[in-house]
Protein backbone atom coordinates (compact mmCIF):
# COMPACT_ATOMS: atom_id res chain seq x y z
CA ALA A 1 0.01 0.00 0.01
CA PRO A 2 1.21 3.54 -0.69
CA THR A 3 2.85 5.35 2.23
CA PRO A 4 0.03 7.98 2.59
CA SER A 5 -2.54 5.18 2.86
CA GLN A 6 -0.47 3.49 5.57
CA HIS A 7 -0.28 6.74 7.57
CA ALA A 8 -4.02 7.23 7.19
CA ALA A 9 -4.68 3.69 8.42
CA VAL A 10 -2.53 4.24 11.50
CA ALA A 11 -4.25 7.59 12.21
CA ALA A 12 -7.67 5.91 12.00
CA PHE A 13 -6.83 3.90 15.13
CA GLU A 14 -5.55 6.75 17.27
CA PRO A 15 -7.64 7.33 20.40
CA ARG A 16 -8.69 10.83 19.26
CA THR A 17 -9.93 9.50 15.92
CA LEU A 18 -11.74 6.58 17.57
CA ARG A 19 -13.54 9.04 19.88
CA ILE A 20 -14.69 11.11 16.88
CA LEU A 21 -15.89 8.01 15.04
CA GLU A 22 -17.75 6.77 18.12
CA GLU A 23 -19.49 10.15 18.47
CA ARG A 24 -20.59 9.95 14.84
CA ARG A 25 -21.82 6.39 15.27
CA ARG A 26 -23.92 7.39 18.29
CA GLU A 27 -25.38 10.36 16.38
CA PHE A 28 -26.40 8.19 13.46
CA GLN A 29 -27.95 5.73 15.92
CA ARG A 30 -30.00 8.58 17.50
CA ARG A 31 -31.19 9.69 14.09
CA ARG A 32 -32.14 6.12 13.12
CA ASP A 33 -33.91 5.57 16.43
CA PHE A 34 -35.96 8.73 15.82
CA LEU A 35 -36.79 8.19 12.15
CA LEU A 36 -37.69 4.50 12.09
CA PRO A 37 -40.60 4.68 14.57
CA ALA A 38 -41.74 8.05 13.21
CA LEU A 39 -42.07 6.62 9.71
CA SER A 40 -43.62 3.42 11.03
CA ARG A 41 -46.40 5.48 12.58
CA LEU A 42 -47.07 6.93 9.11
CA GLY A 43 -47.57 3.48 7.57
CA PHE A 44 -44.08 2.63 6.32
CA GLU A 45 -42.82 -0.84 7.18
CA PHE A 46 -39.31 -2.06 7.91
CA PRO A 47 -38.13 -5.68 7.86
CA GLY A 48 -35.51 -4.96 10.48
CA ARG A 49 -33.49 -2.30 12.23
CA PRO A 50 -30.39 -1.26 10.24
CA ARG A 51 -27.19 -1.79 12.16
CA GLY A 52 -24.63 0.02 10.08
CA ALA A 53 -26.22 2.28 7.51
CA PHE A 54 -27.26 5.91 7.27
CA TYR A 55 -30.58 5.23 5.58
CA LEU A 56 -33.81 3.28 6.00
CA TYR A 57 -35.18 1.16 3.19
CA ALA A 58 -38.91 1.19 3.73
CA ASP A 59 -41.79 -0.81 2.34
CA CYS A 60 -44.28 1.88 1.34
CA SER A 61 -46.99 -0.43 -0.08
CA ARG A 62 -49.44 0.50 2.68
CA VAL A 63 -49.08 4.12 1.55
CA THR A 64 -48.72 3.74 -2.24
CA GLY A 65 -48.24 1.27 -5.05
CA ASP A 66 -45.76 3.55 -6.82
CA SER A 67 -42.70 4.69 -4.85
CA GLU A 68 -41.37 6.69 -7.80
CA ARG A 69 -44.57 8.76 -7.97
CA LEU A 70 -44.63 9.24 -4.20
CA ALA A 71 -41.00 10.40 -4.19
CA ALA A 72 -41.72 12.92 -6.97
CA ASP A 73 -44.92 14.14 -5.28
CA LEU A 74 -43.23 14.54 -1.87
CA LEU A 75 -40.46 16.59 -3.45
CA GLU A 76 -42.87 18.77 -5.44
CA ALA A 77 -45.50 19.29 -2.75
CA GLU A 78 -43.44 19.35 0.47
CA GLY A 79 -39.80 19.75 -0.53
CA VAL A 80 -38.93 16.37 1.02
CA ALA A 81 -36.39 14.34 -0.94
CA VAL A 82 -36.63 10.54 -0.67
CA THR A 83 -35.38 8.01 -3.19
CA PRO A 84 -37.58 5.44 -4.92
CA GLY A 85 -36.62 1.80 -4.79
CA LEU A 86 -36.04 1.76 -8.55
CA ASP A 87 -32.67 3.40 -7.87
CA PHE A 88 -31.51 0.45 -5.72
CA GLY A 89 -32.39 -2.75 -7.45
CA ARG A 90 -35.09 -4.92 -8.97
CA HIS A 91 -36.71 -6.56 -5.96
CA GLU A 92 -40.15 -4.95 -5.74
CA PRO A 93 -38.76 -1.47 -6.35
CA ARG A 94 -42.15 0.21 -6.65
CA ARG A 95 -43.02 -0.70 -3.08
CA HIS A 96 -39.84 0.66 -1.50
CA LEU A 97 -38.40 4.05 -0.63
CA ARG A 98 -35.05 4.97 0.84
CA PHE A 99 -34.92 7.58 3.57
CA SER A 100 -31.49 9.00 4.41
CA TYR A 101 -30.68 10.23 7.91
CA THR A 102 -27.48 12.11 7.11
CA THR A 103 -28.96 15.39 8.33
CA GLY A 104 -29.68 16.56 11.86
CA LEU A 105 -32.63 15.62 14.04
CA ASP A 106 -34.38 18.98 13.56
CA ALA A 107 -34.42 18.54 9.80
CA LEU A 108 -35.56 14.92 10.14
CA ASP A 109 -38.39 15.99 12.44
CA GLU A 110 -39.44 18.66 9.93
CA GLY A 111 -39.30 16.11 7.12
CA VAL A 112 -41.52 13.70 9.03
CA SER A 113 -44.00 16.52 9.73
CA ARG A 114 -44.14 17.37 6.04
CA ILE A 115 -44.64 13.72 5.06
CA ARG A 116 -47.43 13.43 7.66
CA ARG A 117 -49.10 16.55 6.22
CA PHE A 118 -48.75 15.22 2.67
CA LEU A 119 -50.27 11.85 3.56
CA GLY A 120 -53.11 13.59 5.37
């Protein structure tokens, strides 16, 4: 491996770096633990709790039969960006949406409120 990559690998295991990474992991966990039940209450279903991602892949079939249309309508009507399942594979893509939680809790809360309003 190139020398800069070796230095980066060593730095990744320094106590200071590990503390930063642990803080980030906890923050993503908080965001996930907020968003998953909030979306579940709106009718989205999840086969399990993600353990290492920054997004939720939701079954939206109780809400719509067309995730692509719902994603477009949410963006147009409420300014909420979600990604239809078509962008992530062929397994029942029209019944899935991907919700990212790479933003802060305030923005996630606002997004959930807007989705709730859109769904009526």
